[in-house]
PDB file of N, CA and C in Angstrom:
ATOM      1  N   MET A   1      32.449 -65.025  15.637  1.00  0.00           N
ATOM      2  CA  MET A   1      32.040 -66.340  16.073  1.00  0.00           C
ATOM      3  C   MET A   1      33.260 -67.051  16.639  1.00  0.00           C
ATOM      4  N   ASN A   2      33.546 -66.782  17.882  1.00  0.00           N
ATOM      5  CA  ASN A   2      34.748 -67.313  18.525  1.00  0.00           C
ATOM      6  C   ASN A   2      34.824 -68.828  18.521  1.00  0.00           C
ATOM      7  N   ASN A   3      33.692 -69.501  18.577  1.00  0.00           N
ATOM      8  CA  ASN A   3      33.678 -70.960  18.636  1.00  0.00           C
ATOM      9  C   ASN A   3      33.323 -71.591  17.294  1.00  0.00           C
ATOM     10  N   GLY A   4      33.614 -70.895  16.219  1.00  0.00           N
ATOM     11  CA  GLY A   4      33.259 -71.414  14.894  1.00  0.00           C
ATOM     12  C   GLY A   4      31.837 -71.031  14.545  1.00  0.00           C
ATOM     13  N   GLY A   5      31.360 -71.553  13.458  1.00  0.00           N
ATOM     14  CA  GLY A   5      30.007 -71.247  13.005  1.00  0.00           C
ATOM     15  C   GLY A   5      29.999 -71.059  11.509  1.00  0.00           C
ATOM     16  N   ARG A   6      28.902 -70.594  11.002  1.00  0.00           N
ATOM     17  CA  ARG A   6      28.755 -70.391   9.569  1.00  0.00           C
ATOM     18  C   ARG A   6      28.435 -68.935   9.282  1.00  0.00           C
ATOM     19  N   LEU A   7      28.954 -68.460   8.165  1.00  0.00           N
ATOM     20  CA  LEU A   7      28.692 -67.108   7.708  1.00  0.00           C
ATOM     21  C   LEU A   7      28.200 -67.220   6.272  1.00  0.00           C
ATOM     22  N   GLY A   8      27.080 -66.598   5.992  1.00  0.00           N
ATOM     23  CA  GLY A   8      26.519 -66.642   4.646  1.00  0.00           C
ATOM     24  C   GLY A   8      26.222 -65.251   4.132  1.00  0.00           C
ATOM     25  N   VAL A   9      26.392 -65.085   2.829  1.00  0.00           N
ATOM     26  CA  VAL A   9      26.099 -63.816   2.174  1.00  0.00           C
ATOM     27  C   VAL A   9      25.202 -64.119   0.988  1.00  0.00           C
ATOM     28  N   SER A  10      24.128 -63.366   0.855  1.00  0.00           N
ATOM     29  CA  SER A  10      23.245 -63.543  -0.301  1.00  0.00           C
ATOM     30  C   SER A  10      22.829 -62.177  -0.826  1.00  0.00           C
ATOM     31  N   THR A  11      22.452 -62.160  -2.094  1.00  0.00           N
ATOM     32  CA  THR A  11      21.978 -60.933  -2.715  1.00  0.00           C
ATOM     33  C   THR A  11      20.639 -61.195  -3.357  1.00  0.00           C
ATOM     34  N   ASN A  12      19.872 -60.145  -3.486  1.00  0.00           N
ATOM     35  CA  ASN A  12      18.549 -60.232  -4.085  1.00  0.00           C
ATOM     36  C   ASN A  12      18.196 -58.858  -4.618  1.00  0.00           C
ATOM     37  N   ARG A  13      17.039 -58.771  -5.203  1.00  0.00           N
ATOM     38  CA  ARG A  13      16.567 -57.500  -5.730  1.00  0.00           C
ATOM     39  C   ARG A  13      15.158 -57.238  -5.213  1.00  0.00           C
ATOM     40  N   ASN A  14      14.903 -56.010  -4.830  1.00  0.00           N
ATOM     41  CA  ASN A  14      13.574 -55.582  -4.412  1.00  0.00           C
ATOM     42  C   ASN A  14      13.259 -54.324  -5.206  1.00  0.00           C
ATOM     43  N   GLY A  15      12.596 -54.479  -6.352  1.00  0.00           N
ATOM     44  CA  GLY A  15      12.327 -53.344  -7.227  1.00  0.00           C
ATOM     45  C   GLY A  15      13.632 -52.718  -7.669  1.00  0.00           C
ATOM     46  N   PRO A  16      13.807 -51.421  -7.438  1.00  0.00           N
ATOM     47  CA  PRO A  16      15.030 -50.744  -7.883  1.00  0.00           C
ATOM     48  C   PRO A  16      16.192 -50.879  -6.896  1.00  0.00           C
ATOM     49  N   ASN A  17      16.025 -51.691  -5.863  1.00  0.00           N
ATOM     50  CA  ASN A  17      17.052 -51.805  -4.827  1.00  0.00           C
ATOM     51  C   ASN A  17      17.724 -53.164  -4.825  1.00  0.00           C
ATOM     52  N   ALA A  18      19.003 -53.164  -4.492  1.00  0.00           N
ATOM     53  CA  ALA A  18      19.760 -54.387  -4.260  1.00  0.00           C
ATOM     54  C   ALA A  18      19.697 -54.690  -2.770  1.00  0.00           C
ATOM     55  N   ILE A  19      19.516 -55.955  -2.433  1.00  0.00           N
ATOM     56  CA  ILE A  19      19.447 -56.390  -1.040  1.00  0.00           C
ATOM     57  C   ILE A  19      20.631 -57.316  -0.784  1.00  0.00           C
ATOM     58  N   ILE A  20      21.422 -57.002   0.221  1.00  0.00           N
ATOM     59  CA  ILE A  20      22.549 -57.844   0.607  1.00  0.00           C
ATOM     60  C   ILE A  20      22.272 -58.317   2.030  1.00  0.00           C
ATOM     61  N   SER A  21      22.279 -59.627   2.229  1.00  0.00           N
ATOM     62  CA  SER A  21      22.048 -60.200   3.556  1.00  0.00           C
ATOM     63  C   SER A  21      23.302 -60.928   4.010  1.00  0.00           C
ATOM     64  N   ILE A  22      23.736 -60.648   5.223  1.00  0.00           N
ATOM     65  CA  ILE A  22      24.891 -61.306   5.824  1.00  0.00           C
ATOM     66  C   ILE A  22      24.383 -61.997   7.083  1.00  0.00           C
ATOM     67  N   THR A  23      24.470 -63.324   7.096  1.00  0.00           N
ATOM     68  CA  THR A  23      23.902 -64.113   8.184  1.00  0.00           C
ATOM     69  C   THR A  23      25.000 -64.918   8.874  1.00  0.00           C
ATOM     70  N   ASP A  24      24.966 -64.955  10.206  1.00  0.00           N
ATOM     71  CA  ASP A  24      25.906 -65.807  10.940  1.00  0.00           C
ATOM     72  C   ASP A  24      25.153 -66.688  11.917  1.00  0.00           C
ATOM     73  N   THR A  25      25.834 -67.726  12.370  1.00  0.00           N
ATOM     74  CA  THR A  25      25.259 -68.634  13.359  1.00  0.00           C
ATOM     75  C   THR A  25      25.945 -68.430  14.710  1.00  0.00           C
ATOM     76  N   GLY A  26      26.325 -67.194  14.975  1.00  0.00           N
ATOM     77  CA  GLY A  26      27.001 -66.854  16.230  1.00  0.00           C
ATOM     78  C   GLY A  26      26.048 -66.832  17.412  1.00  0.00           C
ATOM     79  N   ARG A  27      26.431 -66.112  18.436  1.00  0.00           N
ATOM     80  CA  ARG A  27      25.675 -66.114  19.694  1.00  0.00           C
ATOM     81  C   ARG A  27      24.391 -65.302  19.643  1.00  0.00           C
ATOM     82  N   GLY A  28      24.214 -64.494  18.604  1.00  0.00           N
ATOM     83  CA  GLY A  28      23.050 -63.616  18.558  1.00  0.00           C
ATOM     84  C   GLY A  28      23.203 -62.491  19.561  1.00  0.00           C
ATOM     85  N   MET A  29      22.173 -61.687  19.691  1.00  0.00           N
ATOM     86  CA  MET A  29      22.237 -60.539  20.600  1.00  0.00           C
ATOM     87  C   MET A  29      20.983 -60.443  21.443  1.00  0.00           C
ATOM     88  N   SER A  30      21.164 -59.851  22.601  1.00  0.00           N
ATOM     89  CA  SER A  30      20.007 -59.562  23.450  1.00  0.00           C
ATOM     90  C   SER A  30      19.233 -58.396  22.834  1.00  0.00           C
ATOM     91  N   GLU A  31      18.039 -58.173  23.326  1.00  0.00           N
ATOM     92  CA  GLU A  31      17.219 -57.051  22.846  1.00  0.00           C
ATOM     93  C   GLU A  31      17.914 -55.713  23.106  1.00  0.00           C
ATOM     94  N   ASP A  32      18.563 -55.602  24.272  1.00  0.00           N
ATOM     95  CA  ASP A  32      19.287 -54.366  24.604  1.00  0.00           C
ATOM     96  C   ASP A  32      20.447 -54.135  23.642  1.00  0.00           C
ATOM     97  N   GLU A  33      21.238 -55.181  23.386  1.00  0.00           N
ATOM     98  CA  GLU A  33      22.361 -55.054  22.449  1.00  0.00           C
ATOM     99  C   GLU A  33      21.863 -54.664  21.057  1.00  0.00           C
ATOM    100  N   ALA A  34      20.834 -55.334  20.596  1.00  0.00           N
ATOM    101  CA  ALA A  34      20.296 -55.049  19.256  1.00  0.00           C
ATOM    102  C   ALA A  34      19.782 -53.622  19.163  1.00  0.00           C
ATOM    103  N   GLY A  35      19.208 -53.114  20.231  1.00  0.00           N
ATOM    104  CA  GLY A  35      18.691 -51.753  20.238  1.00  0.00           C
ATOM    105  C   GLY A  35      19.780 -50.683  20.219  1.00  0.00           C
ATOM    106  N   ARG A  36      21.005 -51.073  20.554  1.00  0.00           N
ATOM    107  CA  ARG A  36      22.104 -50.111  20.624  1.00  0.00           C
ATOM    108  C   ARG A  36      23.153 -50.316  19.526  1.00  0.00           C
ATOM    109  N   LEU A  37      22.901 -51.231  18.619  1.00  0.00           N
ATOM    110  CA  LEU A  37      23.882 -51.611  17.595  1.00  0.00           C
ATOM    111  C   LEU A  37      24.556 -50.456  16.879  1.00  0.00           C
ATOM    112  N   PHE A  38      23.790 -49.473  16.483  1.00  0.00           N
ATOM    113  CA  PHE A  38      24.314 -48.392  15.660  1.00  0.00           C
ATOM    114  C   PHE A  38      24.677 -47.153  16.491  1.00  0.00           C
ATOM    115  N   GLU A  39      24.644 -47.294  17.791  1.00  0.00           N
ATOM    116  CA  GLU A  39      24.983 -46.200  18.703  1.00  0.00           C
ATOM    117  C   GLU A  39      26.506 -46.035  18.765  1.00  0.00           C
ATOM    118  N   PRO A  40      27.011 -44.807  18.549  1.00  0.00           N
ATOM    119  CA  PRO A  40      28.459 -44.610  18.599  1.00  0.00           C
ATOM    120  C   PRO A  40      29.046 -45.046  19.948  1.00  0.00           C
ATOM    121  N   PHE A  41      30.168 -45.750  19.878  1.00  0.00           N
ATOM    122  CA  PHE A  41      30.962 -46.206  21.007  1.00  0.00           C
ATOM    123  C   PHE A  41      30.326 -47.347  21.798  1.00  0.00           C
ATOM    124  N   PHE A  42      29.209 -47.892  21.326  1.00  0.00           N
ATOM    125  CA  PHE A  42      28.654 -49.086  21.980  1.00  0.00           C
ATOM    126  C   PHE A  42      29.374 -50.304  21.426  1.00  0.00           C
ATOM    127  N   THR A  43      29.912 -51.132  22.315  1.00  0.00           N
ATOM    128  CA  THR A  43      30.579 -52.362  21.895  1.00  0.00           C
ATOM    129  C   THR A  43      30.393 -53.431  22.954  1.00  0.00           C
ATOM    130  N   THR A  44      30.447 -54.676  22.515  1.00  0.00           N
ATOM    131  CA  THR A  44      30.418 -55.808  23.436  1.00  0.00           C
ATOM    132  C   THR A  44      31.794 -56.469  23.494  1.00  0.00           C
ATOM    133  N   LYS A  45      32.741 -55.920  22.760  1.00  0.00           N
ATOM    134  CA  LYS A  45      34.080 -56.499  22.689  1.00  0.00           C
ATOM    135  C   LYS A  45      35.047 -55.701  23.570  1.00  0.00           C
ATOM    136  N   SER A  46      35.960 -56.412  24.229  1.00  0.00           N
ATOM    137  CA  SER A  46      36.908 -55.737  25.123  1.00  0.00           C
ATOM    138  C   SER A  46      37.884 -54.842  24.359  1.00  0.00           C
ATOM    139  N   ASP A  47      38.127 -55.147  23.084  1.00  0.00           N
ATOM    140  CA  ASP A  47      39.069 -54.336  22.312  1.00  0.00           C
ATOM    141  C   ASP A  47      38.387 -53.558  21.188  1.00  0.00           C
ATOM    142  N   GLY A  48      37.072 -53.432  21.241  1.00  0.00           N
ATOM    143  CA  GLY A  48      36.342 -52.720  20.186  1.00  0.00           C
ATOM    144  C   GLY A  48      36.222 -51.234  20.466  1.00  0.00           C
ATOM    145  N   THR A  49      36.015 -50.466  19.399  1.00  0.00           N
ATOM    146  CA  THR A  49      35.812 -49.018  19.562  1.00  0.00           C
ATOM    147  C   THR A  49      34.335 -48.652  19.554  1.00  0.00           C
ATOM    148  N   GLY A  50      33.502 -49.537  19.024  1.00  0.00           N
ATOM    149  CA  GLY A  50      32.082 -49.226  18.926  1.00  0.00           C
ATOM    150  C   GLY A  50      31.759 -48.279  17.784  1.00  0.00           C
ATOM    151  N   LEU A  51      32.651 -48.202  16.803  1.00  0.00           N
ATOM    152  CA  LEU A  51      32.418 -47.292  15.676  1.00  0.00           C
ATOM    153  C   LEU A  51      32.150 -48.018  14.356  1.00  0.00           C
ATOM    154  N   GLY A  52      32.406 -49.307  14.301  1.00  0.00           N
ATOM    155  CA  GLY A  52      32.257 -50.046  13.046  1.00  0.00           C
ATOM    156  C   GLY A  52      30.859 -49.990  12.455  1.00  0.00           C
ATOM    157  N   LEU A  53      29.858 -50.353  13.224  1.00  0.00           N
ATOM    158  CA  LEU A  53      28.487 -50.348  12.704  1.00  0.00           C
ATOM    159  C   LEU A  53      27.931 -48.942  12.574  1.00  0.00           C
ATOM    160  N   THR A  54      28.403 -48.032  13.419  1.00  0.00           N
ATOM    161  CA  THR A  54      27.995 -46.633  13.289  1.00  0.00           C
ATOM    162  C   THR A  54      28.470 -46.077  11.950  1.00  0.00           C
ATOM    163  N   HIS A  55      29.719 -46.368  11.632  1.00  0.00           N
ATOM    164  CA  HIS A  55      30.289 -45.915  10.360  1.00  0.00           C
ATOM    165  C   HIS A  55      29.589 -46.601   9.183  1.00  0.00           C
ATOM    166  N   THR A  56      29.351 -47.894   9.301  1.00  0.00           N
ATOM    167  CA  THR A  56      28.660 -48.640   8.244  1.00  0.00           C
ATOM    168  C   THR A  56      27.284 -48.038   7.975  1.00  0.00           C
ATOM    169  N   GLN A  57      26.534 -47.767   9.022  1.00  0.00           N
ATOM    170  CA  GLN A  57      25.209 -47.175   8.864  1.00  0.00           C
ATOM    171  C   GLN A  57      25.298 -45.823   8.164  1.00  0.00           C
ATOM    172  N   GLN A  58      26.278 -45.018   8.535  1.00  0.00           N
ATOM    173  CA  GLN A  58      26.444 -43.702   7.923  1.00  0.00           C
ATOM    174  C   GLN A  58      26.700 -43.823   6.421  1.00  0.00           C
ATOM    175  N   VAL A  59      27.572 -44.733   6.034  1.00  0.00           N
ATOM    176  CA  VAL A  59      27.887 -44.933   4.610  1.00  0.00           C
ATOM    177  C   VAL A  59      26.647 -45.405   3.849  1.00  0.00           C
ATOM    178  N   VAL A  60      25.929 -46.356   4.420  1.00  0.00           N
ATOM    179  CA  VAL A  60      24.714 -46.868   3.775  1.00  0.00           C
ATOM    180  C   VAL A  60      23.687 -45.747   3.605  1.00  0.00           C
ATOM    181  N   LEU A  61      23.466 -44.955   4.646  1.00  0.00           N
ATOM    182  CA  LEU A  61      22.505 -43.847   4.574  1.00  0.00           C
ATOM    183  C   LEU A  61      22.927 -42.804   3.543  1.00  0.00           C
ATOM    184  N   GLU A  62      24.217 -42.512   3.475  1.00  0.00           N
ATOM    185  CA  GLU A  62      24.712 -41.527   2.510  1.00  0.00           C
ATOM    186  C   GLU A  62      24.519 -41.987   1.066  1.00  0.00           C
ATOM    187  N   HIS A  63      24.368 -43.277   0.864  1.00  0.00           N
ATOM    188  CA  HIS A  63      24.118 -43.819  -0.471  1.00  0.00           C
ATOM    189  C   HIS A  63      22.624 -44.078  -0.709  1.00  0.00           C
ATOM    190  N   GLY A  64      21.787 -43.537   0.145  1.00  0.00           N
ATOM    191  CA  GLY A  64      20.342 -43.671  -0.030  1.00  0.00           C
ATOM    192  C   GLY A  64      19.780 -45.014   0.376  1.00  0.00           C
ATOM    193  N   GLY A  65      20.514 -45.735   1.203  1.00  0.00           N
ATOM    194  CA  GLY A  65      20.091 -47.075   1.587  1.00  0.00           C
ATOM    195  C   GLY A  65      19.609 -47.183   3.017  1.00  0.00           C
ATOM    196  N   LYS A  66      19.407 -48.432   3.424  1.00  0.00           N
ATOM    197  CA  LYS A  66      18.962 -48.751   4.780  1.00  0.00           C
ATOM    198  C   LYS A  66      19.747 -49.965   5.257  1.00  0.00           C
ATOM    199  N   ILE A  67      19.949 -50.076   6.558  1.00  0.00           N
ATOM    200  CA  ILE A  67      20.549 -51.259   7.154  1.00  0.00           C
ATOM    201  C   ILE A  67      19.739 -51.615   8.383  1.00  0.00           C
ATOM    202  N   ARG A  68      19.510 -52.908   8.553  1.00  0.00           N
ATOM    203  CA  ARG A  68      18.796 -53.357   9.750  1.00  0.00           C
ATOM    204  C   ARG A  68      19.349 -54.726  10.156  1.00  0.00           C
ATOM    205  N   CYS A  69      18.986 -55.142  11.334  1.00  0.00           N
ATOM    206  CA  CYS A  69      19.487 -56.399  11.866  1.00  0.00           C
ATOM    207  C   CYS A  69      18.346 -57.197  12.473  1.00  0.00           C
ATOM    208  N   LYS A  70      18.346 -58.494  12.170  1.00  0.00           N
ATOM    209  CA  LYS A  70      17.448 -59.442  12.831  1.00  0.00           C
ATOM    210  C   LYS A  70      18.341 -60.359  13.652  1.00  0.00           C
ATOM    211  N   THR A  71      18.015 -60.549  14.915  1.00  0.00           N
ATOM    212  CA  THR A  71      18.870 -61.360  15.770  1.00  0.00           C
ATOM    213  C   THR A  71      18.057 -62.025  16.869  1.00  0.00           C
ATOM    214  N   ALA A  72      18.595 -63.114  17.381  1.00  0.00           N
ATOM    215  CA  ALA A  72      17.983 -63.801  18.517  1.00  0.00           C
ATOM    216  C   ALA A  72      19.105 -64.460  19.316  1.00  0.00           C
ATOM    217  N   PRO A  73      19.075 -64.306  20.637  1.00  0.00           N
ATOM    218  CA  PRO A  73      20.121 -64.920  21.454  1.00  0.00           C
ATOM    219  C   PRO A  73      20.234 -66.420  21.173  1.00  0.00           C
ATOM    220  N   GLY A  74      21.467 -66.863  20.966  1.00  0.00           N
ATOM    221  CA  GLY A  74      21.727 -68.279  20.711  1.00  0.00           C
ATOM    222  C   GLY A  74      21.438 -68.739  19.296  1.00  0.00           C
ATOM    223  N   LYS A  75      20.924 -67.859  18.445  1.00  0.00           N
ATOM    224  CA  LYS A  75      20.549 -68.276  17.095  1.00  0.00           C
ATOM    225  C   LYS A  75      21.259 -67.516  15.986  1.00  0.00           C
ATOM    226  N   GLY A  76      22.062 -66.518  16.315  1.00  0.00           N
ATOM    227  CA  GLY A  76      22.784 -65.775  15.290  1.00  0.00           C
ATOM    228  C   GLY A  76      22.082 -64.497  14.885  1.00  0.00           C
ATOM    229  N   SER A  77      22.649 -63.863  13.875  1.00  0.00           N
ATOM    230  CA  SER A  77      22.148 -62.567  13.424  1.00  0.00           C
ATOM    231  C   SER A  77      22.178 -62.479  11.908  1.00  0.00           C
ATOM    232  N   THR A  78      21.311 -61.639  11.382  1.00  0.00           N
ATOM    233  CA  THR A  78      21.307 -61.324   9.958  1.00  0.00           C
ATOM    234  C   THR A  78      21.266 -59.817   9.810  1.00  0.00           C
ATOM    235  N   PHE A  79      22.244 -59.286   9.088  1.00  0.00           N
ATOM    236  CA  PHE A  79      22.245 -57.876   8.727  1.00  0.00           C
ATOM    237  C   PHE A  79      21.752 -57.770   7.301  1.00  0.00           C
ATOM    238  N   ILE A  80      20.811 -56.870   7.074  1.00  0.00           N
ATOM    239  CA  ILE A  80      20.230 -56.664   5.749  1.00  0.00           C
ATOM    240  C   ILE A  80      20.535 -55.232   5.322  1.00  0.00           C
ATOM    241  N   VAL A  81      21.229 -55.119   4.190  1.00  0.00           N
ATOM    242  CA  VAL A  81      21.580 -53.815   3.625  1.00  0.00           C
ATOM    243  C   VAL A  81      20.801 -53.662   2.332  1.00  0.00           C
ATOM    244  N   GLU A  82      20.061 -52.576   2.222  1.00  0.00           N
ATOM    245  CA  GLU A  82      19.281 -52.285   1.014  1.00  0.00           C
ATOM    246  C   GLU A  82      19.815 -51.000   0.406  1.00  0.00           C
ATOM    247  N   LEU A  83      20.262 -51.102  -0.849  1.00  0.00           N
ATOM    248  CA  LEU A  83      20.845 -49.951  -1.544  1.00  0.00           C
ATOM    249  C   LEU A  83      20.191 -49.768  -2.904  1.00  0.00           C
ATOM    250  N   PRO A  84      19.954 -48.522  -3.299  1.00  0.00           N
ATOM    251  CA  PRO A  84      19.424 -48.298  -4.644  1.00  0.00           C
ATOM    252  C   PRO A  84      20.484 -48.668  -5.682  1.00  0.00           C
ATOM    253  N   MET A  85      20.030 -49.320  -6.747  1.00  0.00           N
ATOM    254  CA  MET A  85      20.952 -49.678  -7.822  1.00  0.00           C
ATOM    255  C   MET A  85      21.185 -48.472  -8.714  1.00  0.00           C
ATOM    256  N   ALA A  86      22.366 -48.415  -9.289  1.00  0.00           N
ATOM    257  CA  ALA A  86      22.674 -47.357 -10.247  1.00  0.00           C
ATOM    258  C   ALA A  86      21.780 -47.521 -11.465  1.00  0.00           C
ATOM    259  N   GLN A  87      21.463 -46.445 -12.146  1.00  0.00           N
ATOM    260  CA  GLN A  87      20.569 -46.487 -13.295  1.00  0.00           C
ATOM    261  C   GLN A  87      21.063 -47.471 -14.349  1.00  0.00           C
ATOM    262  N   ARG A  88      22.369 -47.507 -14.602  1.00  0.00           N
ATOM    263  CA  ARG A  88      22.880 -48.419 -15.629  1.00  0.00           C
ATOM    264  C   ARG A  88      22.652 -49.875 -15.232  1.00  0.00           C
ATOM    265  N   ASP A  89      22.712 -50.180 -13.914  1.00  0.00           N
ATOM    266  CA  ASP A  89      22.449 -51.538 -13.463  1.00  0.00           C
ATOM    267  C   ASP A  89      20.985 -51.890 -13.648  1.00  0.00           C
ATOM    268  N   LYS A  90      20.080 -50.941 -13.405  1.00  0.00           N
ATOM    269  CA  LYS A  90      18.649 -51.185 -13.612  1.00  0.00           C
ATOM    270  C   LYS A  90      18.378 -51.497 -15.068  1.00  0.00           C
ATOM    271  N   VAL A  91      18.964 -50.713 -15.961  1.00  0.00           N
ATOM    272  CA  VAL A  91      18.757 -50.916 -17.397  1.00  0.00           C
ATOM    273  C   VAL A  91      19.298 -52.278 -17.802  1.00  0.00           C
ATOM    274  N   LYS A  92      20.480 -52.633 -17.298  1.00  0.00           N
ATOM    275  CA  LYS A  92      21.091 -53.917 -17.619  1.00  0.00           C
ATOM    276  C   LYS A  92      20.209 -55.068 -17.134  1.00  0.00           C
ATOM    277  N   LEU A  93      19.685 -54.975 -15.906  1.00  0.00           N
ATOM    278  CA  LEU A  93      18.818 -56.028 -15.372  1.00  0.00           C
ATOM    279  C   LEU A  93      17.524 -56.140 -16.156  1.00  0.00           C
ATOM    280  N   GLU A  94      16.937 -55.014 -16.538  1.00  0.00           N
ATOM    281  CA  GLU A  94      15.706 -55.048 -17.324  1.00  0.00           C
ATOM    282  C   GLU A  94      15.955 -55.712 -18.676  1.00  0.00           C
ATOM    283  N   ALA A  95      17.073 -55.388 -19.303  1.00  0.00           N
ATOM    284  CA  ALA A  95      17.408 -55.990 -20.594  1.00  0.00           C
ATOM    285  C   ALA A  95      17.622 -57.485 -20.439  1.00  0.00           C
ATOM    286  N   MET A  96      18.293 -57.895 -19.374  1.00  0.00           N
ATOM    287  CA  MET A  96      18.531 -59.323 -19.146  1.00  0.00           C
ATOM    288  C   MET A  96      17.227 -60.059 -18.897  1.00  0.00           C
ATOM    289  N   SER A  97      16.308 -59.458 -18.158  1.00  0.00           N
ATOM    290  CA  SER A  97      15.036 -60.134 -17.883  1.00  0.00           C
ATOM    291  C   SER A  97      14.189 -60.255 -19.141  1.00  0.00           C
ATOM    292  N   ARG A  98      14.249 -59.268 -20.025  1.00  0.00           N
ATOM    293  CA  ARG A  98      13.529 -59.372 -21.297  1.00  0.00           C
ATOM    294  C   ARG A  98      14.119 -60.477 -22.158  1.00  0.00           C
ATOM    295  N   PHE A  99      15.443 -60.586 -22.163  1.00  0.00           N
ATOM    296  CA  PHE A  99      16.129 -61.599 -22.960  1.00  0.00           C
ATOM    297  C   PHE A  99      15.759 -63.001 -22.464  1.00  0.00           C
ATOM    298  N   ARG A 100      15.702 -63.176 -21.167  1.00  0.00           N
ATOM    299  CA  ARG A 100      15.393 -64.493 -20.578  1.00  0.00           C
ATOM    300  C   ARG A 100      13.955 -64.900 -20.824  1.00  0.00           C
ATOM    301  N   SER A 101      13.047 -63.934 -20.940  1.00  0.00           N
ATOM    302  CA  SER A 101      11.623 -64.285 -21.065  1.00  0.00           C
ATOM    303  C   SER A 101      11.240 -64.614 -22.517  1.00  0.00           C
ATOM    304  N   THR A 102      12.140 -64.409 -23.457  1.00  0.00           N
ATOM    305  CA  THR A 102      11.781 -64.714 -24.853  1.00  0.00           C
ATOM    306  C   THR A 102      12.267 -66.075 -25.267  1.00  0.00           C
TER     307      THR A 102
END
């Protein structure tokens, strides 16, 4: 966000998965840019390699997760990463939810 803006990070849970959302109020992307986001060597930056999001997607997939992007020109973008939680985290969350409900 060259001209400033806001960046937000939030987490949530969807069943056995953790959801991480990263939202900015930057320039957003065109439909063509959004369609090529994870393509190796695609970049909109003069000094970029076009490997950052490709690598990110690979790491997320290798951990059994998913990554997607919602964007609109002039309105910013949101990247959503969904990853399965480790079994110990699931057990911990279930125990915490039982404790809170009593």
